[in-house]
Amino acid sequence: MKRFPEVPRFIVIQLFKDFGGDEKKDLNFKVPPEFHADYKTFAVQCDVPMSEILYRSFQFYRMAMNWTR
């Protein structure tokens, strides 16, 4: 199993706290098996759901896009 660099616990908690409500809608798309395995491993190592990583990644991507405009 691929090991990612250790992330300080307080950073993980800060990044992944209190996002989204109880209502959820399915989002289905295909990714390469290697990407899925790395993504899932990262989520397990950070002790957060895969969906939270997706939410936060999208937030950071949007912020980066706004920063460069």
N, C-alpha and C. Protein backbone atom coordinates (compact mmCIF):
# COMPACT_ATOMS: atom_id res chain seq x y z
N MET A 1 0.84 -1.17 0.00
CA MET A 1 0.00 0.00 0.00
C MET A 1 0.89 1.24 0.00
N LYS A 2 0.57 2.21 -0.87
CA LYS A 2 1.34 3.44 -0.96
C LYS A 2 1.13 4.28 0.29
N ARG A 3 2.21 4.81 0.82
CA ARG A 3 2.12 5.63 2.05
C ARG A 3 2.34 7.09 1.69
N PHE A 4 1.43 7.94 2.12
CA PHE A 4 1.55 9.37 1.89
C PHE A 4 2.25 10.02 3.07
N PRO A 5 2.86 11.20 2.86
CA PRO A 5 3.52 11.88 3.97
C PRO A 5 2.53 12.15 5.10
N GLU A 6 3.03 12.10 6.32
CA GLU A 6 2.18 12.37 7.48
C GLU A 6 1.70 13.81 7.47
N VAL A 7 0.43 14.00 7.76
CA VAL A 7 -0.16 15.33 7.85
C VAL A 7 -0.51 15.56 9.31
N PRO A 8 -0.05 16.70 9.88
CA PRO A 8 -0.39 16.95 11.29
C PRO A 8 -1.89 16.88 11.52
N ARG A 9 -2.30 16.23 12.59
CA ARG A 9 -3.71 15.99 12.90
C ARG A 9 -4.54 17.27 12.92
N PHE A 10 -4.01 18.35 13.51
CA PHE A 10 -4.79 19.59 13.61
C PHE A 10 -5.09 20.17 12.23
N ILE A 11 -4.19 19.96 11.26
CA ILE A 11 -4.45 20.45 9.90
C ILE A 11 -5.56 19.64 9.27
N VAL A 12 -5.53 18.34 9.41
CA VAL A 12 -6.58 17.49 8.85
C VAL A 12 -7.93 17.86 9.44
N ILE A 13 -7.99 18.02 10.74
CA ILE A 13 -9.26 18.37 11.39
C ILE A 13 -9.75 19.71 10.90
N GLN A 14 -8.87 20.70 10.78
CA GLN A 14 -9.26 22.03 10.32
C GLN A 14 -9.79 21.98 8.89
N LEU A 15 -9.12 21.24 8.03
CA LEU A 15 -9.53 21.18 6.63
C LEU A 15 -10.85 20.45 6.43
N PHE A 16 -11.13 19.47 7.26
CA PHE A 16 -12.26 18.60 7.01
C PHE A 16 -13.39 18.73 8.02
N LYS A 17 -13.50 19.84 8.72
CA LYS A 17 -14.56 19.93 9.72
C LYS A 17 -15.79 20.65 9.17
N ASP A 18 -16.94 20.18 9.57
CA ASP A 18 -18.22 20.83 9.32
C ASP A 18 -18.44 21.27 7.88
N PHE A 19 -18.45 20.34 6.95
CA PHE A 19 -18.76 20.70 5.57
C PHE A 19 -19.95 19.90 5.10
N GLY A 20 -20.89 20.58 4.48
CA GLY A 20 -22.06 19.93 3.89
C GLY A 20 -23.13 19.64 4.90
N GLY A 21 -24.32 19.39 4.38
CA GLY A 21 -25.46 19.07 5.23
C GLY A 21 -25.75 17.59 5.20
N ASP A 22 -26.94 17.26 5.68
CA ASP A 22 -27.34 15.85 5.71
C ASP A 22 -27.85 15.37 4.36
N GLU A 23 -28.38 16.28 3.55
CA GLU A 23 -28.92 15.88 2.26
C GLU A 23 -27.78 15.65 1.27
N LYS A 24 -27.79 14.50 0.62
CA LYS A 24 -26.73 14.14 -0.33
C LYS A 24 -27.35 13.70 -1.65
N LYS A 25 -26.61 13.87 -2.72
CA LYS A 25 -27.03 13.44 -4.05
C LYS A 25 -25.87 12.65 -4.66
N ASP A 26 -26.19 11.59 -5.39
CA ASP A 26 -25.15 10.76 -6.01
C ASP A 26 -24.37 11.54 -7.06
N LEU A 27 -23.08 11.28 -7.12
CA LEU A 27 -22.19 11.83 -8.12
C LEU A 27 -21.37 10.66 -8.63
N ASN A 28 -21.59 10.26 -9.87
CA ASN A 28 -20.94 9.06 -10.40
C ASN A 28 -20.04 9.41 -11.57
N PHE A 29 -18.79 8.97 -11.50
CA PHE A 29 -17.86 9.12 -12.60
C PHE A 29 -16.77 8.07 -12.46
N LYS A 30 -16.11 7.80 -13.56
CA LYS A 30 -15.08 6.75 -13.59
C LYS A 30 -13.69 7.37 -13.46
N VAL A 31 -12.83 6.69 -12.71
CA VAL A 31 -11.43 7.08 -12.57
C VAL A 31 -10.58 5.83 -12.74
N PRO A 32 -9.31 6.00 -13.09
CA PRO A 32 -8.43 4.84 -13.21
C PRO A 32 -8.30 4.12 -11.86
N PRO A 33 -8.16 2.79 -11.89
CA PRO A 33 -8.06 2.01 -10.65
C PRO A 33 -6.93 2.48 -9.73
N GLU A 34 -5.78 2.86 -10.29
CA GLU A 34 -4.66 3.33 -9.47
C GLU A 34 -5.01 4.61 -8.72
N PHE A 35 -5.69 5.53 -9.42
CA PHE A 35 -6.11 6.78 -8.77
C PHE A 35 -7.07 6.48 -7.64
N HIS A 36 -8.02 5.60 -7.89
CA HIS A 36 -9.00 5.24 -6.86
C HIS A 36 -8.31 4.65 -5.63
N ALA A 37 -7.34 3.78 -5.86
CA ALA A 37 -6.63 3.16 -4.74
C ALA A 37 -5.84 4.20 -3.94
N ASP A 38 -5.15 5.11 -4.63
CA ASP A 38 -4.41 6.17 -3.93
C ASP A 38 -5.34 7.08 -3.16
N TYR A 39 -6.46 7.44 -3.78
CA TYR A 39 -7.45 8.33 -3.17
C TYR A 39 -8.02 7.70 -1.89
N LYS A 40 -8.38 6.43 -2.00
CA LYS A 40 -8.95 5.72 -0.85
C LYS A 40 -7.91 5.56 0.26
N THR A 41 -6.68 5.24 -0.10
CA THR A 41 -5.61 5.11 0.88
C THR A 41 -5.40 6.42 1.62
N PHE A 42 -5.38 7.51 0.89
CA PHE A 42 -5.20 8.83 1.50
C PHE A 42 -6.33 9.12 2.48
N ALA A 43 -7.56 8.82 2.09
CA ALA A 43 -8.72 9.05 2.97
C ALA A 43 -8.60 8.24 4.25
N VAL A 44 -8.22 6.99 4.13
CA VAL A 44 -8.07 6.13 5.30
C VAL A 44 -6.97 6.65 6.22
N GLN A 45 -5.85 7.04 5.63
CA GLN A 45 -4.73 7.54 6.43
C GLN A 45 -5.08 8.84 7.15
N CYS A 46 -5.93 9.67 6.54
CA CYS A 46 -6.35 10.93 7.16
C CYS A 46 -7.58 10.75 8.04
N ASP A 47 -8.16 9.55 8.00
CA ASP A 47 -9.36 9.24 8.79
C ASP A 47 -10.53 10.16 8.46
N VAL A 48 -10.75 10.38 7.16
CA VAL A 48 -11.88 11.18 6.69
C VAL A 48 -12.56 10.44 5.54
N PRO A 49 -13.85 10.69 5.33
CA PRO A 49 -14.53 10.06 4.20
C PRO A 49 -13.98 10.57 2.86
N MET A 50 -14.04 9.72 1.86
CA MET A 50 -13.59 10.12 0.53
C MET A 50 -14.38 11.32 0.02
N SER A 51 -15.65 11.40 0.36
CA SER A 51 -16.47 12.53 -0.09
C SER A 51 -15.97 13.85 0.47
N GLU A 52 -15.47 13.85 1.70
CA GLU A 52 -14.94 15.08 2.29
C GLU A 52 -13.72 15.57 1.52
N ILE A 53 -12.88 14.64 1.09
CA ILE A 53 -11.71 15.03 0.30
C ILE A 53 -12.16 15.66 -1.01
N LEU A 54 -13.18 15.09 -1.62
CA LEU A 54 -13.71 15.66 -2.86
C LEU A 54 -14.25 17.06 -2.62
N TYR A 55 -15.04 17.27 -1.57
CA TYR A 55 -15.58 18.59 -1.26
C TYR A 55 -14.46 19.61 -1.10
N ARG A 56 -13.49 19.27 -0.27
CA ARG A 56 -12.41 20.21 0.03
C ARG A 56 -11.52 20.45 -1.18
N SER A 57 -11.26 19.41 -1.95
CA SER A 57 -10.45 19.57 -3.16
C SER A 57 -11.11 20.55 -4.11
N PHE A 58 -12.42 20.43 -4.25
CA PHE A 58 -13.15 21.33 -5.13
C PHE A 58 -13.08 22.76 -4.60
N GLN A 59 -13.21 22.93 -3.29
CA GLN A 59 -13.10 24.27 -2.70
C GLN A 59 -11.72 24.87 -2.98
N PHE A 60 -10.67 24.10 -2.75
CA PHE A 60 -9.32 24.60 -2.98
C PHE A 60 -9.08 24.90 -4.46
N TYR A 61 -9.61 24.07 -5.33
CA TYR A 61 -9.45 24.29 -6.77
C TYR A 61 -10.14 25.59 -7.17
N ARG A 62 -11.35 25.80 -6.68
CA ARG A 62 -12.06 27.05 -6.98
C ARG A 62 -11.29 28.26 -6.48
N MET A 63 -10.76 28.17 -5.25
CA MET A 63 -9.98 29.28 -4.71
C MET A 63 -8.75 29.54 -5.58
N ALA A 64 -8.09 28.49 -6.02
CA ALA A 64 -6.89 28.65 -6.85
C ALA A 64 -7.25 29.29 -8.19
N MET A 65 -8.36 28.89 -8.77
CA MET A 65 -8.79 29.46 -10.05
C MET A 65 -9.10 30.95 -9.90
N ASN A 66 -9.75 31.31 -8.80
CA ASN A 66 -10.06 32.72 -8.56
C ASN A 66 -8.79 33.52 -8.30
N TRP A 67 -7.81 32.89 -7.66
CA TRP A 67 -6.56 33.55 -7.33
C TRP A 67 -5.79 33.92 -8.60
N THR A 68 -5.86 33.06 -9.62
CA THR A 68 -5.08 33.26 -10.84
C THR A 68 -5.79 34.14 -11.85
N ARG A 69 -6.99 34.56 -11.58
CA ARG A 69 -7.73 35.39 -12.55
C ARG A 69 -7.55 36.85 -12.27
